N, C-alpha and C. Protein backbone atom coordinates (compact mmCIF):
# COMPACT_ATOMS: atom_id res chain seq x y z
N MET A 1 0.84 -1.19 0.00
CA MET A 1 0.00 0.00 0.00
C MET A 1 0.88 1.25 0.00
N ALA A 2 0.56 2.18 -0.84
CA ALA A 2 1.32 3.43 -0.93
C ALA A 2 1.02 4.33 0.27
N THR A 3 1.99 5.13 0.61
CA THR A 3 1.81 6.11 1.68
C THR A 3 1.14 7.33 1.08
N SER A 4 0.10 7.81 1.73
CA SER A 4 -0.67 8.93 1.20
C SER A 4 -0.20 10.26 1.79
N LEU A 5 -0.65 11.34 1.17
CA LEU A 5 -0.35 12.67 1.69
C LEU A 5 -0.91 12.83 3.10
N TYR A 6 -2.06 12.25 3.35
CA TYR A 6 -2.66 12.27 4.69
C TYR A 6 -1.73 11.58 5.70
N ASP A 7 -1.22 10.41 5.34
CA ASP A 7 -0.32 9.67 6.23
C ASP A 7 0.93 10.49 6.55
N ILE A 8 1.49 11.09 5.52
CA ILE A 8 2.74 11.85 5.68
C ILE A 8 2.54 13.11 6.51
N SER A 9 1.42 13.77 6.31
CA SER A 9 1.22 15.06 6.97
C SER A 9 0.38 14.96 8.24
N ILE A 10 -0.87 14.65 8.11
CA ILE A 10 -1.79 14.71 9.26
C ILE A 10 -1.38 13.75 10.37
N LYS A 11 -1.07 12.53 10.03
CA LYS A 11 -0.68 11.57 11.07
C LYS A 11 0.60 12.02 11.78
N THR A 12 1.52 12.60 11.04
CA THR A 12 2.76 13.09 11.64
C THR A 12 2.50 14.31 12.52
N TYR A 13 1.73 15.26 12.00
CA TYR A 13 1.39 16.43 12.82
C TYR A 13 0.67 16.00 14.10
N ALA A 14 -0.29 15.10 13.98
CA ALA A 14 -1.05 14.67 15.15
C ALA A 14 -0.15 14.00 16.19
N GLN A 15 0.78 13.18 15.73
CA GLN A 15 1.69 12.49 16.65
C GLN A 15 2.52 13.50 17.44
N ILE A 16 3.14 14.43 16.76
CA ILE A 16 4.04 15.36 17.44
C ILE A 16 3.27 16.44 18.20
N LEU A 17 2.13 16.89 17.68
CA LEU A 17 1.31 17.84 18.44
C LEU A 17 0.84 17.20 19.75
N GLY A 18 0.50 15.91 19.70
CA GLY A 18 0.13 15.21 20.93
C GLY A 18 1.28 15.20 21.92
N ALA A 19 2.48 14.97 21.42
CA ALA A 19 3.67 14.98 22.28
C ALA A 19 3.92 16.38 22.83
N VAL A 20 3.79 17.39 21.99
CA VAL A 20 4.02 18.77 22.43
C VAL A 20 3.03 19.15 23.53
N THR A 21 1.76 18.83 23.37
CA THR A 21 0.79 19.18 24.41
C THR A 21 1.14 18.49 25.72
N LYS A 22 1.62 17.26 25.65
CA LYS A 22 1.99 16.55 26.87
C LYS A 22 3.26 17.10 27.49
N PHE A 23 4.27 17.42 26.68
CA PHE A 23 5.49 17.94 27.31
C PHE A 23 5.30 19.38 27.78
N LEU A 24 4.36 20.11 27.20
CA LEU A 24 4.03 21.43 27.74
C LEU A 24 3.41 21.30 29.13
N GLU A 25 2.55 20.31 29.30
CA GLU A 25 1.94 20.08 30.61
C GLU A 25 3.00 19.66 31.63
N LYS A 26 3.90 18.76 31.24
CA LYS A 26 5.00 18.37 32.14
C LYS A 26 5.85 19.58 32.49
N GLY A 27 6.07 20.44 31.51
CA GLY A 27 6.85 21.65 31.75
C GLY A 27 6.18 22.55 32.77
N LYS A 28 4.90 22.73 32.63
CA LYS A 28 4.14 23.57 33.57
C LYS A 28 4.21 22.98 34.98
N GLU A 29 3.98 21.69 35.09
CA GLU A 29 4.03 21.03 36.40
C GLU A 29 5.41 21.17 37.04
N HIS A 30 6.45 20.93 36.26
CA HIS A 30 7.82 21.03 36.77
C HIS A 30 8.13 22.45 37.21
N CYS A 31 7.80 23.41 36.39
CA CYS A 31 8.11 24.81 36.72
C CYS A 31 7.35 25.24 37.97
N ASN A 32 6.08 24.90 38.06
CA ASN A 32 5.30 25.26 39.24
C ASN A 32 5.85 24.59 40.50
N ALA A 33 6.26 23.34 40.40
CA ALA A 33 6.78 22.61 41.55
C ALA A 33 8.16 23.10 41.99
N ASN A 34 8.89 23.74 41.07
CA ASN A 34 10.26 24.15 41.37
C ASN A 34 10.47 25.65 41.38
N GLY A 35 9.37 26.40 41.44
CA GLY A 35 9.47 27.85 41.54
C GLY A 35 10.07 28.53 40.32
N ILE A 36 9.91 27.93 39.15
CA ILE A 36 10.41 28.52 37.91
C ILE A 36 9.29 29.35 37.29
N ASP A 37 9.57 30.59 37.00
CA ASP A 37 8.59 31.52 36.46
C ASP A 37 8.24 31.15 35.02
N LEU A 38 6.99 30.79 34.79
CA LEU A 38 6.56 30.41 33.44
C LEU A 38 6.64 31.58 32.46
N ASP A 39 6.45 32.80 32.96
CA ASP A 39 6.60 33.97 32.08
C ASP A 39 8.04 34.10 31.59
N ALA A 40 8.98 33.74 32.44
CA ALA A 40 10.39 33.77 32.04
C ALA A 40 10.68 32.67 31.02
N VAL A 41 10.07 31.51 31.20
CA VAL A 41 10.26 30.40 30.26
C VAL A 41 9.77 30.81 28.87
N VAL A 42 8.62 31.47 28.83
CA VAL A 42 8.04 31.91 27.56
C VAL A 42 9.01 32.79 26.77
N GLU A 43 9.84 33.54 27.48
CA GLU A 43 10.79 34.45 26.83
C GLU A 43 12.19 33.85 26.67
N THR A 44 12.38 32.60 27.07
CA THR A 44 13.69 31.97 27.02
C THR A 44 14.04 31.50 25.60
N SER A 45 15.29 31.71 25.23
CA SER A 45 15.84 31.23 23.96
C SER A 45 17.02 30.32 24.25
N LEU A 46 17.34 29.45 23.32
CA LEU A 46 18.53 28.60 23.48
C LEU A 46 19.81 29.42 23.40
N TYR A 47 19.77 30.46 22.58
CA TYR A 47 20.92 31.34 22.41
C TYR A 47 20.39 32.72 22.09
N GLN A 48 21.19 33.73 22.39
CA GLN A 48 20.72 35.11 22.31
C GLN A 48 20.21 35.53 20.93
N ASP A 49 20.68 34.91 19.87
CA ASP A 49 20.20 35.30 18.54
C ASP A 49 19.07 34.40 18.02
N MET A 50 18.51 33.57 18.92
CA MET A 50 17.39 32.71 18.54
C MET A 50 16.09 33.27 19.10
N LEU A 51 15.00 32.94 18.46
CA LEU A 51 13.69 33.40 18.92
C LEU A 51 13.26 32.61 20.16
N PRO A 52 12.41 33.22 21.01
CA PRO A 52 12.05 32.62 22.29
C PRO A 52 11.07 31.45 22.18
N PHE A 53 10.89 30.81 23.32
CA PHE A 53 10.00 29.66 23.47
C PHE A 53 8.62 29.94 22.87
N ARG A 54 8.06 31.11 23.16
CA ARG A 54 6.72 31.41 22.65
C ARG A 54 6.67 31.31 21.13
N PHE A 55 7.70 31.80 20.46
CA PHE A 55 7.73 31.72 19.00
C PHE A 55 7.83 30.27 18.54
N GLN A 56 8.51 29.44 19.30
CA GLN A 56 8.65 28.02 18.93
C GLN A 56 7.28 27.34 18.93
N ILE A 57 6.48 27.60 19.96
CA ILE A 57 5.16 26.98 20.04
C ILE A 57 4.22 27.55 18.99
N VAL A 58 4.26 28.86 18.79
CA VAL A 58 3.47 29.48 17.72
C VAL A 58 3.83 28.83 16.38
N SER A 59 5.10 28.59 16.17
CA SER A 59 5.57 28.00 14.91
C SER A 59 5.17 26.54 14.77
N VAL A 60 5.11 25.81 15.87
CA VAL A 60 4.63 24.42 15.82
C VAL A 60 3.19 24.41 15.31
N ALA A 61 2.35 25.28 15.85
CA ALA A 61 0.96 25.36 15.38
C ALA A 61 0.90 25.86 13.93
N HIS A 62 1.73 26.84 13.62
CA HIS A 62 1.71 27.44 12.29
C HIS A 62 2.18 26.47 11.21
N HIS A 63 3.17 25.66 11.51
CA HIS A 63 3.71 24.73 10.51
C HIS A 63 2.99 23.38 10.51
N SER A 64 1.88 23.29 11.23
CA SER A 64 1.03 22.09 11.17
C SER A 64 -0.35 22.52 10.70
N LEU A 65 -1.17 23.01 11.61
CA LEU A 65 -2.51 23.47 11.23
C LEU A 65 -2.43 24.60 10.21
N GLY A 66 -1.58 25.57 10.46
CA GLY A 66 -1.43 26.68 9.52
C GLY A 66 -0.97 26.23 8.15
N ALA A 67 -0.10 25.23 8.12
CA ALA A 67 0.38 24.71 6.84
C ALA A 67 -0.75 24.04 6.06
N MET A 68 -1.57 23.27 6.75
CA MET A 68 -2.69 22.62 6.06
C MET A 68 -3.69 23.67 5.56
N GLU A 69 -3.94 24.68 6.36
CA GLU A 69 -4.82 25.76 5.91
C GLU A 69 -4.20 26.49 4.72
N GLY A 70 -2.89 26.66 4.75
CA GLY A 70 -2.19 27.29 3.64
C GLY A 70 -2.26 26.47 2.36
N VAL A 71 -2.12 25.16 2.49
CA VAL A 71 -2.23 24.29 1.31
C VAL A 71 -3.64 24.41 0.73
N GLN A 72 -4.63 24.43 1.59
CA GLN A 72 -6.01 24.56 1.11
C GLN A 72 -6.23 25.90 0.41
N ALA A 73 -5.63 26.95 0.94
CA ALA A 73 -5.80 28.29 0.37
C ALA A 73 -4.87 28.54 -0.81
N GLY A 74 -3.81 27.76 -0.92
CA GLY A 74 -2.84 27.94 -1.99
C GLY A 74 -1.76 28.95 -1.68
N VAL A 75 -1.74 29.47 -0.46
CA VAL A 75 -0.73 30.46 -0.07
C VAL A 75 -0.41 30.31 1.41
N PHE A 76 0.86 30.50 1.75
CA PHE A 76 1.33 30.35 3.12
C PHE A 76 2.39 31.42 3.36
N GLY A 77 2.43 31.93 4.59
CA GLY A 77 3.44 32.92 4.96
C GLY A 77 3.99 32.61 6.33
N PRO A 78 4.98 33.38 6.77
CA PRO A 78 5.59 33.14 8.08
C PRO A 78 4.63 33.49 9.22
N PRO A 79 4.86 32.91 10.40
CA PRO A 79 4.02 33.23 11.56
C PRO A 79 4.36 34.61 12.13
N SER A 80 3.43 35.13 12.91
CA SER A 80 3.70 36.38 13.62
C SER A 80 4.42 36.05 14.94
N MET A 81 4.95 37.05 15.58
CA MET A 81 5.68 36.85 16.83
C MET A 81 4.76 36.53 18.01
N ALA A 82 3.51 36.94 17.99
CA ALA A 82 2.55 36.69 19.08
C ALA A 82 3.11 37.09 20.44
N PRO A 83 3.38 38.37 20.66
CA PRO A 83 4.06 38.81 21.88
C PRO A 83 3.25 38.68 23.17
N ASP A 84 1.95 38.59 23.09
CA ASP A 84 1.14 38.64 24.30
C ASP A 84 0.70 37.27 24.83
N LEU A 85 1.25 36.20 24.31
CA LEU A 85 0.82 34.88 24.74
C LEU A 85 1.63 34.39 25.94
N ASP A 86 0.91 34.01 27.00
CA ASP A 86 1.59 33.43 28.15
C ASP A 86 1.65 31.90 27.97
N TYR A 87 2.22 31.22 28.95
CA TYR A 87 2.43 29.78 28.84
C TYR A 87 1.12 29.04 28.62
N GLU A 88 0.09 29.40 29.40
CA GLU A 88 -1.19 28.71 29.26
C GLU A 88 -1.83 28.97 27.90
N ALA A 89 -1.67 30.16 27.36
CA ALA A 89 -2.20 30.45 26.02
C ALA A 89 -1.45 29.63 24.97
N LEU A 90 -0.16 29.43 25.17
CA LEU A 90 0.61 28.60 24.25
C LEU A 90 0.15 27.14 24.34
N GLN A 91 -0.13 26.68 25.55
CA GLN A 91 -0.66 25.33 25.72
C GLN A 91 -1.98 25.19 24.97
N ALA A 92 -2.84 26.19 25.13
CA ALA A 92 -4.14 26.16 24.45
C ALA A 92 -3.97 26.18 22.94
N MET A 93 -3.02 26.95 22.44
CA MET A 93 -2.76 27.02 21.00
C MET A 93 -2.33 25.65 20.47
N ALA A 94 -1.43 24.98 21.17
CA ALA A 94 -0.97 23.66 20.75
C ALA A 94 -2.12 22.65 20.79
N GLY A 95 -2.91 22.69 21.85
CA GLY A 95 -4.06 21.79 21.97
C GLY A 95 -5.09 22.02 20.89
N ASP A 96 -5.34 23.28 20.57
CA ASP A 96 -6.29 23.63 19.51
C ASP A 96 -5.79 23.13 18.15
N ALA A 97 -4.50 23.32 17.90
CA ALA A 97 -3.93 22.84 16.63
C ALA A 97 -4.06 21.32 16.53
N GLN A 98 -3.79 20.64 17.64
CA GLN A 98 -3.91 19.18 17.64
C GLN A 98 -5.35 18.75 17.34
N GLU A 99 -6.29 19.38 18.00
CA GLU A 99 -7.70 19.03 17.81
C GLU A 99 -8.14 19.27 16.35
N LYS A 100 -7.76 20.42 15.81
CA LYS A 100 -8.18 20.75 14.44
C LYS A 100 -7.46 19.90 13.40
N ILE A 101 -6.21 19.57 13.64
CA ILE A 101 -5.47 18.69 12.71
C ILE A 101 -6.14 17.33 12.65
N GLN A 102 -6.58 16.82 13.79
CA GLN A 102 -7.20 15.50 13.83
C GLN A 102 -8.56 15.47 13.15
N ALA A 103 -9.14 16.64 12.90
CA ALA A 103 -10.43 16.70 12.22
C ALA A 103 -10.31 16.56 10.70
N TYR A 104 -9.09 16.69 10.17
CA TYR A 104 -8.90 16.51 8.73
C TYR A 104 -9.13 15.05 8.35
N THR A 105 -9.76 14.85 7.22
CA THR A 105 -10.03 13.49 6.74
C THR A 105 -9.07 13.12 5.60
N PRO A 106 -8.82 11.83 5.41
CA PRO A 106 -7.96 11.42 4.31
C PRO A 106 -8.44 11.94 2.95
N ASP A 107 -9.74 11.90 2.71
CA ASP A 107 -10.26 12.36 1.41
C ASP A 107 -9.93 13.83 1.15
N VAL A 108 -10.11 14.67 2.16
CA VAL A 108 -9.83 16.10 2.01
C VAL A 108 -8.35 16.33 1.75
N VAL A 109 -7.49 15.71 2.53
CA VAL A 109 -6.05 15.94 2.41
C VAL A 109 -5.49 15.33 1.13
N ASN A 110 -5.86 14.11 0.84
CA ASN A 110 -5.32 13.45 -0.36
C ASN A 110 -5.76 14.15 -1.65
N ALA A 111 -6.90 14.82 -1.62
CA ALA A 111 -7.36 15.57 -2.79
C ALA A 111 -6.48 16.79 -3.07
N LEU A 112 -5.68 17.21 -2.10
CA LEU A 112 -4.81 18.38 -2.26
C LEU A 112 -3.52 18.05 -3.00
N GLU A 113 -3.23 16.77 -3.18
CA GLU A 113 -1.99 16.37 -3.85
C GLU A 113 -1.89 17.02 -5.23
N GLY A 114 -0.74 17.60 -5.50
CA GLY A 114 -0.50 18.25 -6.79
C GLY A 114 -0.97 19.69 -6.87
N SER A 115 -1.66 20.16 -5.84
CA SER A 115 -2.15 21.55 -5.89
C SER A 115 -1.01 22.53 -5.63
N ALA A 116 -1.14 23.71 -6.19
CA ALA A 116 -0.11 24.75 -6.07
C ALA A 116 -0.20 25.43 -4.71
N VAL A 117 0.97 25.65 -4.11
CA VAL A 117 1.08 26.39 -2.85
C VAL A 117 2.22 27.38 -3.02
N GLU A 118 1.96 28.61 -2.66
CA GLU A 118 2.97 29.65 -2.78
C GLU A 118 3.35 30.13 -1.38
N PHE A 119 4.63 30.07 -1.07
CA PHE A 119 5.13 30.63 0.19
C PHE A 119 5.57 32.05 -0.08
N LYS A 120 4.94 32.99 0.62
CA LYS A 120 5.26 34.41 0.44
C LYS A 120 5.90 34.95 1.70
N ILE A 121 7.02 35.63 1.52
CA ILE A 121 7.70 36.29 2.63
C ILE A 121 8.27 37.60 2.09
N GLY A 122 7.84 38.69 2.70
CA GLY A 122 8.24 39.99 2.18
C GLY A 122 7.79 40.12 0.74
N GLY A 123 8.67 40.52 -0.13
CA GLY A 123 8.36 40.64 -1.55
C GLY A 123 8.73 39.42 -2.35
N GLN A 124 9.12 38.35 -1.66
CA GLN A 124 9.55 37.14 -2.35
C GLN A 124 8.46 36.07 -2.32
N SER A 125 8.56 35.17 -3.26
CA SER A 125 7.59 34.08 -3.35
C SER A 125 8.32 32.80 -3.78
N MET A 126 7.91 31.68 -3.18
CA MET A 126 8.48 30.38 -3.55
C MET A 126 7.33 29.46 -3.94
N PRO A 127 7.30 28.98 -5.18
CA PRO A 127 6.21 28.11 -5.62
C PRO A 127 6.50 26.63 -5.28
N PHE A 128 5.48 25.96 -4.81
CA PHE A 128 5.56 24.53 -4.47
C PHE A 128 4.33 23.83 -5.03
N ILE A 129 4.36 22.50 -5.03
CA ILE A 129 3.14 21.72 -5.07
C ILE A 129 2.94 21.21 -3.65
N ALA A 130 1.72 20.89 -3.31
CA ALA A 130 1.35 20.60 -1.92
C ALA A 130 2.28 19.61 -1.23
N GLU A 131 2.53 18.47 -1.87
CA GLU A 131 3.33 17.44 -1.20
C GLU A 131 4.77 17.88 -1.00
N ASP A 132 5.32 18.64 -1.94
CA ASP A 132 6.69 19.14 -1.77
C ASP A 132 6.75 20.23 -0.71
N PHE A 133 5.73 21.06 -0.66
CA PHE A 133 5.66 22.09 0.38
C PHE A 133 5.64 21.43 1.76
N LEU A 134 4.78 20.43 1.92
CA LEU A 134 4.66 19.78 3.22
C LEU A 134 5.93 19.02 3.60
N MET A 135 6.48 18.26 2.66
CA MET A 135 7.63 17.41 2.99
C MET A 135 8.96 18.15 3.05
N SER A 136 9.13 19.19 2.23
CA SER A 136 10.44 19.85 2.20
C SER A 136 10.49 21.18 2.94
N PHE A 137 9.33 21.70 3.33
CA PHE A 137 9.31 22.99 4.02
C PHE A 137 8.56 22.92 5.35
N SER A 138 7.31 22.53 5.30
CA SER A 138 6.48 22.55 6.50
C SER A 138 6.95 21.55 7.56
N LEU A 139 7.08 20.29 7.19
CA LEU A 139 7.48 19.28 8.19
C LEU A 139 8.86 19.55 8.79
N PRO A 140 9.89 19.90 8.00
CA PRO A 140 11.17 20.23 8.63
C PRO A 140 11.07 21.40 9.61
N ASN A 141 10.31 22.43 9.25
CA ASN A 141 10.11 23.56 10.17
C ASN A 141 9.35 23.13 11.41
N PHE A 142 8.33 22.31 11.23
CA PHE A 142 7.53 21.79 12.34
C PHE A 142 8.41 21.05 13.34
N TYR A 143 9.24 20.13 12.85
CA TYR A 143 10.15 19.39 13.72
C TYR A 143 11.17 20.31 14.39
N PHE A 144 11.71 21.24 13.63
CA PHE A 144 12.70 22.17 14.18
C PHE A 144 12.13 22.92 15.38
N HIS A 145 10.94 23.48 15.24
CA HIS A 145 10.37 24.29 16.31
C HIS A 145 9.89 23.43 17.48
N ALA A 146 9.37 22.24 17.21
CA ALA A 146 8.99 21.33 18.30
C ALA A 146 10.23 20.91 19.09
N THR A 147 11.31 20.62 18.39
CA THR A 147 12.57 20.24 19.05
C THR A 147 13.13 21.39 19.86
N THR A 148 13.08 22.59 19.33
CA THR A 148 13.61 23.75 20.05
C THR A 148 12.79 24.02 21.31
N ALA A 149 11.48 23.90 21.23
CA ALA A 149 10.63 24.07 22.43
C ALA A 149 10.98 23.00 23.47
N TYR A 150 11.11 21.76 23.03
CA TYR A 150 11.50 20.66 23.91
C TYR A 150 12.84 20.98 24.58
N ASP A 151 13.80 21.43 23.80
CA ASP A 151 15.14 21.74 24.33
C ASP A 151 15.10 22.87 25.35
N ILE A 152 14.28 23.86 25.13
CA ILE A 152 14.17 24.96 26.10
C ILE A 152 13.60 24.44 27.41
N LEU A 153 12.62 23.54 27.35
CA LEU A 153 12.09 22.95 28.58
C LEU A 153 13.14 22.08 29.27
N ARG A 154 13.91 21.34 28.50
CA ARG A 154 15.00 20.55 29.09
C ARG A 154 16.00 21.47 29.79
N MET A 155 16.25 22.62 29.18
CA MET A 155 17.17 23.60 29.75
C MET A 155 16.68 24.09 31.12
N GLN A 156 15.37 24.02 31.34
CA GLN A 156 14.77 24.42 32.61
C GLN A 156 14.76 23.26 33.62
N GLY A 157 15.28 22.11 33.20
CA GLY A 157 15.33 20.94 34.07
C GLY A 157 14.10 20.06 34.00
N VAL A 158 13.19 20.33 33.07
CA VAL A 158 11.99 19.50 32.95
C VAL A 158 12.43 18.08 32.58
N PRO A 159 11.97 17.08 33.35
CA PRO A 159 12.39 15.70 33.11
C PRO A 159 11.70 15.08 31.90
N LEU A 160 12.24 15.38 30.74
CA LEU A 160 11.71 14.86 29.48
C LEU A 160 12.74 13.95 28.84
N GLY A 161 12.25 12.97 28.11
CA GLY A 161 13.14 12.08 27.36
C GLY A 161 12.65 11.94 25.94
N LYS A 162 13.34 11.11 25.19
CA LYS A 162 13.00 10.93 23.77
C LYS A 162 11.56 10.46 23.58
N ARG A 163 11.09 9.59 24.46
CA ARG A 163 9.70 9.11 24.35
C ARG A 163 8.70 10.25 24.49
N ASP A 164 9.04 11.24 25.32
CA ASP A 164 8.16 12.40 25.45
C ASP A 164 8.08 13.16 24.13
N PHE A 165 9.19 13.24 23.41
CA PHE A 165 9.20 13.94 22.13
C PHE A 165 8.48 13.13 21.05
N LEU A 166 8.69 11.83 21.03
CA LEU A 166 8.11 11.00 19.97
C LEU A 166 6.60 10.87 20.06
N GLY A 167 6.04 10.94 21.26
CA GLY A 167 4.60 10.79 21.40
C GLY A 167 4.14 9.39 21.04
N GLN A 168 2.89 9.31 20.62
CA GLN A 168 2.28 8.02 20.28
C GLN A 168 2.70 7.59 18.88
N MET A 169 3.64 6.66 18.83
CA MET A 169 4.13 6.18 17.54
C MET A 169 3.10 5.27 16.88
N ARG A 170 3.19 5.13 15.58
CA ARG A 170 2.27 4.31 14.79
C ARG A 170 2.86 2.90 14.64
N LEU A 171 2.65 2.09 15.65
CA LEU A 171 3.23 0.74 15.67
C LEU A 171 2.36 -0.25 14.90
N ASN A 172 2.98 -1.27 14.39
CA ASN A 172 2.28 -2.34 13.68
C ASN A 172 1.89 -3.41 14.68
N MET A 173 0.80 -3.18 15.36
CA MET A 173 0.37 -4.11 16.40
C MET A 173 -1.06 -4.55 16.17
């Protein structure tokens, strides 16, 4: 059986969004139990020239749910900075993205194969077809920002491991 666009995108987004929502909850519990200010975590970066935790979570939602909405619309752009979101709002954003991603059906997603998607940033534009956009742009960005958010929580001492990042894998059982 061939792997479908739905399998590559929606199932992957759902798996990692599920993991992100769980490690965000672990992060909140750890920070609250250890007197770590969640507002400070939201503004934490891995390095001074990197964007903060809040942007990482915004980008996780943007490169999953936002990417699918972009494929449907035929156009996608970069996320905004979302300066006013606190930790709980970021948790809600990730949970909302997970819920909405899971509502996509195979028929809807697979029908998008071959459709044109344009990534616009500033005055520049990059043309894609849906599957190439998702596999070569959206998914790598999605993983990058999920990993960076995970790493920032690890930096705070949150007891997370690889299984926390992987989430519910699609096992042949």
